[in-house]
Amino acid sequence: MRFPKEVRVYCPRCKAYTPHQVTTYKPGKRRTLAQGQRRYLRKQKGYGSKRKPEQKEFAKTTKKQVLKLKCNVCGYTLLKSLGRLRKLEIVEKV
């Protein structure tokens, strides 16, 4: 899917339709000191095998794409989910 680099969408902070800069959302690095990660690592430790079987083959062929929209007026960022796409391309003009 081709998506423009700049779109006019509603900004809840400005309370108006303003131009927004579009980028793809990328999740950050997992925090090793977060409680869930510590619990996961503690459960994985021990003798013998892992607590869950390792996945041999990934079933899905697509990923759910998320766009990061940043308001050019106030700088407010909102996320917009596009659902499952094979390929997302951000272009100058559609």
N, C-alpha and C. Protein backbone atom coordinates (compact mmCIF):
# COMPACT_ATOMS: atom_id res chain seq x y z
N MET A 1 0.84 -1.18 0.00
CA MET A 1 0.00 0.00 0.00
C MET A 1 0.89 1.24 0.00
N ARG A 2 0.52 2.22 -0.82
CA ARG A 2 1.26 3.48 -0.87
C ARG A 2 0.52 4.50 -0.02
N PHE A 3 1.28 5.21 0.83
CA PHE A 3 0.68 6.18 1.74
C PHE A 3 1.46 7.48 1.63
N PRO A 4 0.79 8.65 1.61
CA PRO A 4 1.51 9.92 1.47
C PRO A 4 2.34 10.28 2.71
N LYS A 5 3.42 11.07 2.49
CA LYS A 5 4.30 11.48 3.57
C LYS A 5 3.63 12.48 4.50
N GLU A 6 2.65 13.21 3.98
CA GLU A 6 1.94 14.20 4.77
C GLU A 6 0.43 14.10 4.51
N VAL A 7 -0.37 14.04 5.58
CA VAL A 7 -1.82 13.95 5.45
C VAL A 7 -2.47 14.98 6.37
N ARG A 8 -3.68 15.41 6.00
CA ARG A 8 -4.46 16.31 6.86
C ARG A 8 -5.46 15.46 7.63
N VAL A 9 -5.24 15.33 8.93
CA VAL A 9 -6.14 14.58 9.79
C VAL A 9 -6.46 15.41 11.04
N TYR A 10 -7.44 14.95 11.81
CA TYR A 10 -7.86 15.68 13.01
C TYR A 10 -6.84 15.54 14.12
N CYS A 11 -6.46 16.68 14.71
CA CYS A 11 -5.55 16.69 15.86
C CYS A 11 -6.36 17.00 17.11
N PRO A 12 -6.40 16.09 18.10
CA PRO A 12 -7.20 16.34 19.29
C PRO A 12 -6.68 17.49 20.15
N ARG A 13 -5.39 17.80 20.06
CA ARG A 13 -4.85 18.89 20.86
C ARG A 13 -5.19 20.25 20.22
N CYS A 14 -5.04 20.34 18.88
CA CYS A 14 -5.39 21.58 18.17
C CYS A 14 -6.90 21.74 18.01
N LYS A 15 -7.63 20.62 18.10
CA LYS A 15 -9.08 20.55 17.86
C LYS A 15 -9.42 21.06 16.46
N ALA A 16 -8.59 20.67 15.49
CA ALA A 16 -8.81 21.07 14.09
C ALA A 16 -8.09 20.08 13.19
N TYR A 17 -8.41 20.12 11.89
CA TYR A 17 -7.73 19.29 10.91
C TYR A 17 -6.44 19.99 10.50
N THR A 18 -5.31 19.38 10.79
CA THR A 18 -4.01 19.98 10.50
C THR A 18 -3.14 19.00 9.73
N PRO A 19 -2.11 19.47 9.01
CA PRO A 19 -1.20 18.53 8.33
C PRO A 19 -0.36 17.75 9.33
N HIS A 20 -0.22 16.47 9.08
CA HIS A 20 0.57 15.58 9.94
C HIS A 20 1.66 14.90 9.12
N GLN A 21 2.83 14.76 9.71
CA GLN A 21 3.94 14.03 9.08
C GLN A 21 3.78 12.54 9.39
N VAL A 22 3.93 11.70 8.38
CA VAL A 22 3.68 10.26 8.52
C VAL A 22 4.99 9.48 8.53
N THR A 23 5.15 8.60 9.53
CA THR A 23 6.27 7.66 9.59
C THR A 23 5.71 6.32 10.05
N THR A 24 6.49 5.25 9.85
CA THR A 24 6.06 3.94 10.33
C THR A 24 6.47 3.79 11.79
N TYR A 25 5.61 3.17 12.58
CA TYR A 25 5.88 2.94 14.00
C TYR A 25 6.80 1.74 14.14
N LYS A 26 7.86 1.92 14.93
CA LYS A 26 8.77 0.81 15.22
C LYS A 26 8.83 0.66 16.73
N PRO A 27 8.56 -0.54 17.25
CA PRO A 27 8.61 -0.71 18.70
C PRO A 27 10.04 -0.58 19.21
N GLY A 28 10.18 -0.04 20.41
CA GLY A 28 11.50 0.17 21.01
C GLY A 28 12.10 -1.12 21.53
N LYS A 29 13.31 -1.00 22.07
CA LYS A 29 14.01 -2.14 22.61
C LYS A 29 13.34 -2.58 23.91
N ARG A 30 13.25 -3.90 24.13
CA ARG A 30 12.63 -4.43 25.34
C ARG A 30 13.51 -4.08 26.54
N ARG A 31 12.88 -3.66 27.64
CA ARG A 31 13.63 -3.33 28.85
C ARG A 31 13.89 -4.61 29.64
N THR A 32 15.16 -4.89 29.92
CA THR A 32 15.51 -6.14 30.61
C THR A 32 15.15 -6.09 32.09
N LEU A 33 14.97 -4.89 32.65
CA LEU A 33 14.63 -4.79 34.07
C LEU A 33 13.13 -4.68 34.31
N ALA A 34 12.31 -4.73 33.24
CA ALA A 34 10.86 -4.69 33.40
C ALA A 34 10.39 -5.98 34.08
N GLN A 35 9.34 -5.86 34.91
CA GLN A 35 8.89 -7.01 35.70
C GLN A 35 8.52 -8.21 34.83
N GLY A 36 7.82 -7.98 33.73
CA GLY A 36 7.42 -9.08 32.86
C GLY A 36 8.61 -9.79 32.24
N GLN A 37 9.63 -9.04 31.84
CA GLN A 37 10.83 -9.62 31.23
C GLN A 37 11.63 -10.42 32.28
N ARG A 38 11.70 -9.89 33.50
CA ARG A 38 12.41 -10.60 34.59
C ARG A 38 11.70 -11.92 34.91
N ARG A 39 10.37 -11.87 34.93
CA ARG A 39 9.58 -13.07 35.22
C ARG A 39 9.79 -14.11 34.11
N TYR A 40 9.78 -13.65 32.87
CA TYR A 40 9.96 -14.54 31.71
C TYR A 40 11.34 -15.21 31.76
N LEU A 41 12.39 -14.42 32.03
CA LEU A 41 13.74 -14.98 32.09
C LEU A 41 13.90 -15.96 33.25
N ARG A 42 13.24 -15.65 34.39
CA ARG A 42 13.32 -16.55 35.55
C ARG A 42 12.63 -17.88 35.25
N LYS A 43 11.50 -17.82 34.52
CA LYS A 43 10.79 -19.05 34.16
C LYS A 43 11.56 -19.87 33.13
N GLN A 44 12.32 -19.20 32.26
CA GLN A 44 13.09 -19.89 31.22
C GLN A 44 14.31 -20.59 31.82
N LYS A 45 14.80 -20.09 32.96
CA LYS A 45 15.99 -20.67 33.59
C LYS A 45 15.71 -22.08 34.10
N GLY A 46 16.76 -22.79 34.47
CA GLY A 46 16.57 -24.10 35.09
C GLY A 46 17.22 -25.19 34.27
N TYR A 47 16.99 -26.41 34.68
CA TYR A 47 17.59 -27.57 34.03
C TYR A 47 16.64 -28.11 32.97
N GLY A 48 17.18 -28.70 31.96
CA GLY A 48 16.36 -29.34 30.94
C GLY A 48 15.88 -28.37 29.89
N SER A 49 14.68 -28.62 29.40
CA SER A 49 14.19 -27.86 28.26
C SER A 49 13.56 -26.54 28.69
N LYS A 50 13.15 -25.76 27.68
CA LYS A 50 12.47 -24.48 27.95
C LYS A 50 11.02 -24.77 28.34
N ARG A 51 10.38 -23.77 28.96
CA ARG A 51 9.01 -23.99 29.46
C ARG A 51 7.98 -24.06 28.34
N LYS A 52 8.30 -23.45 27.18
CA LYS A 52 7.39 -23.50 26.05
C LYS A 52 8.17 -23.97 24.83
N PRO A 53 7.54 -24.70 23.92
CA PRO A 53 8.26 -25.14 22.73
C PRO A 53 8.59 -23.95 21.82
N GLU A 54 9.78 -23.97 21.22
CA GLU A 54 10.15 -22.91 20.30
C GLU A 54 9.39 -23.08 19.00
N GLN A 55 8.93 -21.98 18.44
CA GLN A 55 8.12 -22.02 17.23
C GLN A 55 9.02 -22.36 16.03
N LYS A 56 8.65 -23.40 15.31
CA LYS A 56 9.46 -23.86 14.18
C LYS A 56 9.19 -23.03 12.93
N GLU A 57 7.91 -22.75 12.67
CA GLU A 57 7.53 -22.09 11.43
C GLU A 57 6.51 -21.01 11.75
N PHE A 58 6.72 -19.82 11.19
CA PHE A 58 5.77 -18.73 11.43
C PHE A 58 4.61 -18.85 10.46
N ALA A 59 3.38 -18.80 10.97
CA ALA A 59 2.20 -19.08 10.16
C ALA A 59 1.77 -17.90 9.29
N LYS A 60 1.95 -16.67 9.79
CA LYS A 60 1.42 -15.51 9.08
C LYS A 60 2.43 -14.97 8.05
N THR A 61 1.90 -14.43 6.96
CA THR A 61 2.76 -13.89 5.91
C THR A 61 2.81 -12.37 5.94
N THR A 62 1.95 -11.74 6.76
CA THR A 62 1.90 -10.28 6.83
C THR A 62 2.01 -9.83 8.28
N LYS A 63 2.30 -8.54 8.45
CA LYS A 63 2.34 -7.94 9.78
C LYS A 63 1.31 -6.82 9.85
N LYS A 64 0.81 -6.53 11.04
CA LYS A 64 -0.12 -5.42 11.21
C LYS A 64 0.70 -4.13 11.23
N GLN A 65 0.43 -3.25 10.28
CA GLN A 65 1.20 -2.01 10.15
C GLN A 65 0.55 -0.90 10.95
N VAL A 66 1.39 -0.08 11.59
CA VAL A 66 0.93 1.06 12.37
C VAL A 66 1.66 2.30 11.89
N LEU A 67 0.91 3.39 11.69
CA LEU A 67 1.49 4.67 11.27
C LEU A 67 1.60 5.60 12.47
N LYS A 68 2.68 6.39 12.48
CA LYS A 68 2.88 7.41 13.51
C LYS A 68 2.63 8.75 12.85
N LEU A 69 1.60 9.46 13.29
CA LEU A 69 1.23 10.75 12.72
C LEU A 69 1.61 11.85 13.70
N LYS A 70 2.51 12.77 13.25
CA LYS A 70 2.97 13.86 14.10
C LYS A 70 2.44 15.17 13.55
N CYS A 71 1.71 15.94 14.38
CA CYS A 71 1.11 17.20 13.97
C CYS A 71 2.20 18.23 13.69
N ASN A 72 2.10 18.89 12.54
CA ASN A 72 3.09 19.90 12.17
C ASN A 72 2.90 21.20 12.95
N VAL A 73 1.73 21.40 13.56
CA VAL A 73 1.44 22.64 14.28
C VAL A 73 1.89 22.54 15.74
N CYS A 74 1.40 21.51 16.46
CA CYS A 74 1.70 21.43 17.89
C CYS A 74 2.68 20.31 18.25
N GLY A 75 2.94 19.37 17.34
CA GLY A 75 3.89 18.28 17.61
C GLY A 75 3.28 17.07 18.29
N TYR A 76 1.96 17.06 18.44
CA TYR A 76 1.26 15.93 19.07
C TYR A 76 1.35 14.70 18.18
N THR A 77 1.63 13.53 18.75
CA THR A 77 1.77 12.29 17.99
C THR A 77 0.61 11.36 18.28
N LEU A 78 0.01 10.82 17.22
CA LEU A 78 -1.00 9.80 17.39
C LEU A 78 -0.71 8.62 16.47
N LEU A 79 -1.16 7.44 16.88
CA LEU A 79 -0.90 6.22 16.13
C LEU A 79 -2.17 5.79 15.42
N LYS A 80 -2.01 5.33 14.17
CA LYS A 80 -3.16 4.88 13.38
C LYS A 80 -2.83 3.48 12.85
N SER A 81 -3.67 2.53 13.18
CA SER A 81 -3.46 1.15 12.74
C SER A 81 -4.08 0.95 11.37
N LEU A 82 -3.33 0.31 10.47
CA LEU A 82 -3.83 0.04 9.12
C LEU A 82 -4.24 -1.41 8.93
N GLY A 83 -3.97 -2.25 9.91
CA GLY A 83 -4.30 -3.66 9.77
C GLY A 83 -3.19 -4.41 9.05
N ARG A 84 -3.55 -5.54 8.47
CA ARG A 84 -2.53 -6.40 7.83
C ARG A 84 -2.21 -5.94 6.42
N LEU A 85 -0.93 -5.73 6.15
CA LEU A 85 -0.46 -5.34 4.82
C LEU A 85 0.80 -6.12 4.49
N ARG A 86 0.95 -6.47 3.22
CA ARG A 86 2.18 -7.12 2.80
C ARG A 86 3.34 -6.13 2.77
N LYS A 87 3.05 -4.92 2.21
CA LYS A 87 4.11 -3.94 2.06
C LYS A 87 3.53 -2.54 2.25
N LEU A 88 4.19 -1.72 3.04
CA LEU A 88 3.77 -0.33 3.24
C LEU A 88 4.86 0.58 2.70
N GLU A 89 4.47 1.48 1.82
CA GLU A 89 5.43 2.38 1.20
C GLU A 89 4.95 3.82 1.43
N ILE A 90 5.79 4.65 2.07
CA ILE A 90 5.45 6.04 2.29
C ILE A 90 6.10 6.87 1.19
N VAL A 91 5.25 7.54 0.38
CA VAL A 91 5.73 8.26 -0.80
C VAL A 91 5.44 9.76 -0.67
N GLU A 92 6.11 10.55 -1.51
CA GLU A 92 5.94 12.01 -1.51
C GLU A 92 4.50 12.40 -1.83
N LYS A 93 4.00 11.97 -2.98
CA LYS A 93 2.61 12.24 -3.41
C LYS A 93 1.99 10.96 -3.94
N VAL A 94 0.73 10.72 -3.60
CA VAL A 94 0.06 9.50 -4.07
C VAL A 94 -0.63 9.77 -5.39
